[in-house]
Protein backbone atom coordinates (compact mmCIF):
# COMPACT_ATOMS: atom_id res chain seq x y z
CA UNK A 1 -5.12 -22.11 11.79
CA UNK A 2 -4.02 -22.13 8.16
CA UNK A 3 -4.60 -18.93 6.14
CA UNK A 4 -6.62 -19.47 2.96
CA UNK A 5 -5.25 -16.26 1.38
CA UNK A 6 -1.47 -15.73 1.39
CA UNK A 7 -0.37 -12.82 3.55
CA UNK A 8 2.62 -10.69 4.39
CA UNK A 9 3.48 -7.15 5.33
CA UNK A 10 5.19 -3.93 4.44
CA UNK A 11 8.42 -4.81 6.22
CA UNK A 12 9.10 -1.48 7.92
CA UNK A 13 5.81 -1.78 9.83
CA UNK A 14 7.79 -4.30 11.90
CA UNK A 15 11.21 -2.69 11.51
CA UNK A 16 13.13 -0.91 8.76
CA UNK A 17 15.95 -3.27 9.70
CA UNK A 18 15.30 -6.37 7.59
CA UNK A 19 17.24 -8.80 9.83
CA UNK A 20 14.80 -7.82 12.59
CA UNK A 21 11.60 -7.52 10.55
CA UNK A 22 11.76 -10.66 8.42
CA UNK A 23 12.12 -13.28 11.20
CA UNK A 24 9.27 -11.61 13.13
CA UNK A 25 7.07 -11.78 10.04
CA UNK A 26 8.04 -15.38 9.27
CA UNK A 27 7.19 -16.43 12.86
CA UNK A 28 3.57 -15.36 12.21
CA UNK A 29 3.48 -17.37 8.99
CA UNK A 30 3.85 -14.47 6.58
CA UNK A 31 5.34 -15.32 3.20
CA UNK A 32 4.94 -12.04 1.29
CA UNK A 33 7.26 -9.05 1.45
CA UNK A 34 6.58 -5.47 0.43
CA UNK A 35 9.55 -3.10 0.45
CA UNK A 36 9.14 0.58 1.37
CA UNK A 37 11.75 1.77 3.91
CA UNK A 38 14.71 -0.55 4.25
CA UNK A 39 17.80 -0.68 6.44
CA UNK A 40 20.45 -3.26 5.60
CA UNK A 41 23.40 -1.02 6.41
CA UNK A 42 23.85 1.97 8.64
CA UNK A 43 20.65 3.89 7.95
CA UNK A 44 17.07 3.48 6.77
CA UNK A 45 16.34 4.48 3.18
CA UNK A 46 13.34 4.57 0.93
CA UNK A 47 13.57 1.48 -1.27
CA UNK A 48 14.08 3.70 -4.31
CA UNK A 49 17.34 4.96 -2.87
CA UNK A 50 18.99 1.63 -2.06
CA UNK A 51 22.32 0.99 -3.70
CA UNK A 52 22.79 -2.09 -5.86
CA UNK A 53 24.85 -3.72 -3.11
CA UNK A 54 22.14 -3.00 -0.52
CA UNK A 55 19.56 -4.53 -2.86
CA UNK A 56 21.65 -7.68 -3.11
CA UNK A 57 21.83 -7.94 0.69
CA UNK A 58 18.08 -7.38 1.01
CA UNK A 59 17.27 -10.01 -1.62
CA UNK A 60 19.49 -12.54 0.12
CA UNK A 61 17.88 -11.86 3.52
CA UNK A 62 14.40 -12.36 2.02
CA UNK A 63 15.46 -15.60 0.37
CA UNK A 64 16.94 -16.89 3.63
CA UNK A 65 13.49 -16.65 5.22
CA UNK A 66 11.87 -18.48 2.30
CA UNK A 67 9.81 -15.39 1.54
CA UNK A 68 8.80 -13.70 -1.71
CA UNK A 69 8.80 -10.02 -2.66
CA UNK A 70 5.30 -9.24 -3.91
CA UNK A 71 5.42 -5.47 -4.36
CA UNK A 72 7.75 -2.51 -4.50
CA UNK A 73 5.99 0.10 -2.36
CA UNK A 74 7.27 3.03 -4.38
CA UNK A 75 6.40 6.71 -3.83
CA UNK A 76 5.57 7.19 -7.52
CA UNK A 77 3.06 10.02 -8.03
CA UNK A 78 3.15 10.83 -4.31
CA UNK A 79 4.09 14.43 -4.93
CA UNK A 80 2.54 17.79 -5.79
CA UNK A 81 0.99 18.03 -9.25
CA UNK A 82 2.12 21.33 -10.80
CA UNK A 83 -0.43 23.83 -12.07
CA UNK A 84 -3.20 22.12 -10.10
CA UNK A 85 -5.53 23.39 -7.36
CA UNK A 86 -3.89 23.89 -3.98
CA UNK A 87 -3.10 20.87 -1.84
CA UNK A 88 -5.76 19.97 0.74
CA UNK A 89 -4.02 20.55 4.06
CA UNK A 90 -6.48 18.43 6.06
CA UNK A 91 -4.57 15.26 5.31
CA UNK A 92 -1.23 14.17 6.75
CA UNK A 93 1.30 13.51 4.01
CA UNK A 94 3.39 10.45 4.90
CA UNK A 95 6.56 10.40 2.81
CA UNK A 96 8.49 7.45 4.34
CA UNK A 97 11.98 8.84 3.73
CA UNK A 98 11.03 9.94 0.20
CA UNK A 99 11.51 13.56 -0.84
CA UNK A 100 11.07 13.14 -4.58
CA UNK A 101 9.31 15.77 -6.70
CA UNK A 102 7.20 15.80 -9.86
CA UNK A 103 10.33 16.29 -11.95
CA UNK A 104 11.81 13.09 -10.48
CA UNK A 105 8.96 10.85 -11.63
CA UNK A 106 10.41 9.52 -14.93
CA UNK A 107 13.65 8.54 -13.17
CA UNK A 108 11.71 7.01 -10.28
CA UNK A 109 9.59 4.94 -12.66
CA UNK A 110 12.70 3.49 -14.31
CA UNK A 111 14.19 2.70 -10.91
CA UNK A 112 10.97 1.14 -9.62
CA UNK A 113 10.73 -1.16 -12.64
CA UNK A 114 14.37 -2.17 -12.23
CA UNK A 115 13.83 -2.93 -8.54
CA UNK A 116 10.74 -5.01 -9.30
CA UNK A 117 12.71 -7.06 -11.80
CA UNK A 118 15.63 -7.48 -9.41
CA UNK A 119 13.47 -8.62 -6.48
CA UNK A 120 11.05 -10.62 -8.60
CA UNK A 121 8.08 -8.45 -7.59
CA UNK A 122 5.05 -8.42 -9.90
CA UNK A 123 3.60 -5.12 -8.61
CA UNK A 124 4.88 -1.56 -8.40
CA UNK A 125 2.62 0.48 -6.14
CA UNK A 126 1.86 4.06 -7.20
CA UNK A 127 -0.38 6.95 -6.11
CA UNK A 128 -2.33 9.86 -7.62
CA UNK A 129 -0.52 13.03 -6.47
CA UNK A 130 -1.16 14.78 -3.13
CA UNK A 131 -4.86 15.44 -2.73
CA UNK A 132 -5.98 18.88 -3.81
CA UNK A 133 -9.05 20.88 -2.84
CA UNK A 134 -10.52 19.90 -6.23
CA UNK A 135 -9.49 16.33 -7.15
CA UNK A 136 -11.81 16.29 -10.16
CA UNK A 137 -9.75 19.04 -11.75
CA UNK A 138 -6.75 16.69 -11.71
CA UNK A 139 -8.57 13.61 -12.98
CA UNK A 140 -7.54 13.62 -16.64
CA UNK A 141 -3.88 14.23 -15.82
CA UNK A 142 -3.94 11.44 -13.22
CA UNK A 143 -5.43 9.02 -15.73
CA UNK A 144 -2.84 9.99 -18.33
CA UNK A 145 0.06 9.42 -15.90
CA UNK A 146 -1.33 6.06 -14.75
CA UNK A 147 -1.98 4.87 -18.31
CA UNK A 148 1.57 5.82 -19.26
CA UNK A 149 3.04 3.87 -16.34
CA UNK A 150 0.88 0.85 -17.13
CA UNK A 151 2.05 0.90 -20.75
CA UNK A 152 5.70 1.17 -19.72
CA UNK A 153 5.44 -1.65 -17.18
CA UNK A 154 3.56 -4.18 -19.30
CA UNK A 155 6.50 -5.39 -21.46
CA UNK A 156 8.43 -6.09 -18.24
CA UNK A 157 5.66 -8.28 -16.84
CA UNK A 158 5.01 -5.77 -14.05
CA UNK A 159 1.60 -4.54 -12.92
CA UNK A 160 1.01 -0.95 -11.83
CA UNK A 161 -0.92 -1.02 -8.55
CA UNK A 162 -2.74 2.23 -7.77
CA UNK A 163 -3.29 2.51 -4.03
CA UNK A 164 -6.36 4.40 -2.89
CA UNK A 165 -4.73 6.82 -0.45
CA UNK A 166 -6.83 9.34 1.46
CA UNK A 167 -4.03 11.94 1.28
CA UNK A 168 -3.99 11.65 -2.52
CA UNK A 169 -6.54 12.53 -5.18
CA UNK A 170 -7.80 8.95 -5.51
CA UNK A 171 -8.67 7.92 -1.97
CA UNK A 172 -11.92 5.97 -2.02
CA UNK A 173 -13.40 3.00 -3.83
CA UNK A 174 -15.70 5.34 -5.77
CA UNK A 175 -12.74 7.39 -6.97
CA UNK A 176 -10.75 4.25 -7.75
CA UNK A 177 -13.58 2.75 -9.78
CA UNK A 178 -13.84 5.95 -11.80
CA UNK A 179 -10.13 5.83 -12.68
CA UNK A 180 -10.18 2.14 -13.56
CA UNK A 181 -13.17 2.75 -15.84
CA UNK A 182 -11.37 5.62 -17.56
CA UNK A 183 -8.07 3.75 -18.01
CA UNK A 184 -8.87 0.65 -20.02
CA UNK A 185 -5.31 -0.70 -19.88
CA UNK A 186 -5.74 -3.88 -17.84
CA UNK A 187 -2.14 -3.58 -16.63
CA UNK A 188 -3.36 -0.86 -14.28
CA UNK A 189 -4.63 -2.62 -11.16
CA UNK A 190 -5.75 -1.52 -7.71
CA UNK A 191 -4.04 -1.85 -4.35
CA UNK A 192 -7.25 -1.84 -2.30
CA UNK A 193 -6.93 -0.28 1.17
CA UNK A 194 -10.31 -0.31 2.96
CA UNK A 195 -9.02 1.72 5.92
CA UNK A 196 -7.82 4.50 3.63
CA UNK A 197 -11.30 4.64 2.12
CA UNK A 198 -12.72 4.89 5.64
CA UNK A 199 -10.56 7.93 6.35
CA UNK A 200 -11.73 9.36 3.03
CA UNK A 201 -15.30 9.32 4.31
CA UNK A 202 -16.50 6.12 2.68
CA UNK A 203 -17.99 2.90 4.05
CA UNK A 204 -15.28 0.62 2.63
CA UNK A 205 -17.14 -2.65 3.08
CA UNK A 206 -19.64 -3.51 1.87
CA UNK A 207 -20.44 -0.17 0.26
CA UNK A 208 -17.16 0.86 -1.33
CA UNK A 209 -16.04 -2.64 -2.21
CA UNK A 210 -19.24 -3.23 -4.19
CA UNK A 211 -18.22 -0.42 -6.57
CA UNK A 212 -14.90 -1.99 -7.53
CA UNK A 213 -14.21 -4.16 -10.59
CA UNK A 214 -13.09 -7.28 -8.72
CA UNK A 215 -10.70 -8.48 -11.44
CA UNK A 216 -8.71 -5.25 -11.22
CA UNK A 217 -7.79 -5.78 -7.53
CA UNK A 218 -4.20 -7.04 -7.51
CA UNK A 219 -3.24 -6.48 -3.89
CA UNK A 220 -4.85 -5.57 -0.54
CA UNK A 221 -3.49 -3.58 2.41
CA UNK A 222 -4.81 -4.33 5.88
CA UNK A 223 -5.00 -1.92 8.79
CA UNK A 224 -7.83 -0.82 11.05
CA UNK A 225 -9.01 2.40 12.60
CA UNK A 226 -11.87 4.72 13.35
CA UNK A 227 -12.53 8.41 12.90
CA UNK A 228 -12.52 10.53 16.05
CA UNK A 229 -12.78 14.23 16.79
CA UNK A 230 -9.40 15.79 17.52
CA UNK A 231 -8.62 18.62 19.93
CA UNK A 232 -9.06 21.16 17.13
CA UNK A 233 -12.47 19.75 16.25
CA UNK A 234 -11.25 18.05 13.07
CA UNK A 235 -12.04 14.42 12.28
CA UNK A 236 -8.84 12.37 12.41
CA UNK A 237 -7.97 8.71 12.11
CA UNK A 238 -7.25 6.74 15.28
CA UNK A 239 -5.50 3.48 14.39
CA UNK A 240 -5.82 0.32 16.45
CA UNK A 241 -5.41 -3.46 16.46
CA UNK A 242 -6.58 -5.05 13.23
CA UNK A 243 -10.10 -6.41 13.45
CA UNK A 244 -11.14 -4.28 16.44
CA UNK A 245 -12.10 -0.95 14.86
CA UNK A 246 -14.44 0.24 12.12
CA UNK A 247 -13.37 -1.74 9.06
CA UNK A 248 -15.42 -4.94 8.66
CA UNK A 249 -12.40 -7.13 8.00
CA UNK A 250 -14.30 -10.37 8.58
CA UNK A 251 -16.80 -9.43 5.89
CA UNK A 252 -14.16 -8.02 3.57
CA UNK A 253 -12.00 -11.13 3.72
CA UNK A 254 -15.02 -13.38 3.23
CA UNK A 255 -15.96 -11.43 0.11
CA UNK A 256 -12.43 -11.75 -1.28
CA UNK A 257 -12.55 -15.51 -0.73
CA UNK A 258 -15.95 -15.85 -2.39
CA UNK A 259 -14.71 -13.85 -5.37
CA UNK A 260 -11.70 -16.12 -5.79
CA UNK A 261 -9.11 -13.48 -4.97
CA UNK A 262 -5.65 -14.72 -5.99
CA UNK A 263 -3.41 -11.98 -4.58
CA UNK A 264 -1.84 -11.31 -1.20
CA UNK A 265 -3.12 -9.34 1.78
CA UNK A 266 -0.34 -7.31 3.37
CA UNK A 267 -0.36 -5.79 6.83
CA UNK A 268 0.25 -2.02 7.00
CA UNK A 269 -0.15 -1.66 10.75
CA UNK A 270 -0.20 2.15 11.25
CA UNK A 271 -1.14 1.55 14.91
CA UNK A 272 1.78 2.71 17.11
CA UNK A 273 1.31 -0.38 19.25
CA UNK A 274 0.88 -0.83 23.03
CA UNK A 275 2.93 1.78 24.82
CA UNK A 276 4.29 2.97 21.50
CA UNK A 277 5.90 -0.41 20.75
CA UNK A 278 5.36 -0.63 16.99
CA UNK A 279 6.97 -4.06 16.68
CA UNK A 280 4.61 -5.49 19.28
CA UNK A 281 1.70 -3.74 17.58
CA UNK A 282 2.58 -5.30 14.26
CA UNK A 283 2.91 -8.74 15.84
CA UNK A 284 -0.55 -8.38 17.39
CA UNK A 285 -2.07 -7.21 14.10
CA UNK A 286 -0.21 -9.91 12.18
CA UNK A 287 -1.64 -12.67 14.35
CA UNK A 288 -5.08 -11.06 14.14
CA UNK A 289 -4.80 -11.04 10.35
CA UNK A 290 -3.74 -14.67 10.31
CA UNK A 291 -6.74 -15.56 12.43
CA UNK A 292 -9.15 -13.70 10.15
CA UNK A 293 -7.67 -15.37 7.09
CA UNK A 294 -8.02 -18.81 8.66
CA UNK A 295 -11.73 -18.60 9.48
């Protein structure tokens, strides 16, 4: 059961504590690391807030497992866009220990690039500001911000990876394709998350995927879920074991292989796990992902 696409995970989906997360990931055969919330000391921090000494410890722990840092899962552009339509309150805003504002973005970009260089990561993940009630009204400003980041990152050999995030203005494949068409800078890539597109109301595969420029996909996030009706009558995401819900992961992975995809697929579990045991849930999803990648 050898995966034909390299895979890994956002480490805090297993545990924010790297000495716990990394061996669990390695036992599944994962070789890729994505850093978001990290604990190598006394408390968990967003990766952007790690001290230089904590970064050194984290890098050493990753190296000890023979693993490679693929992406810095930064919170860049995961904030309110000033002078924009009001934020759409239907979507949960996950901040992962990040409380940075619009004014912090230039400093965060510099820090994210420095972290990518330090860890040897080729991708800095970014977003498109918290989703408003009128995303189209924000489109030009989003494109401008992304183009600027891509231009800044290029001389450092770093790609900007825009994640389609349902809680942000660019949440579906259709919206992602529109941005990528508007920003011609090839250093802007996509972190494709089919499950996020599902929550955004799209059929991620095959429908959404067919809209994407394949060569602009630099990274893929894997989780699985379905939309259910909550107690208040609203449609909400119910996450579950990878490969058992409403994302056609078998078809999606097959299409990536046929297209000659060269990047990593990283687990972003989201499922709380059996009995609320997130570590066990991530192990289950990790083995499921390995199985899908080995077919």
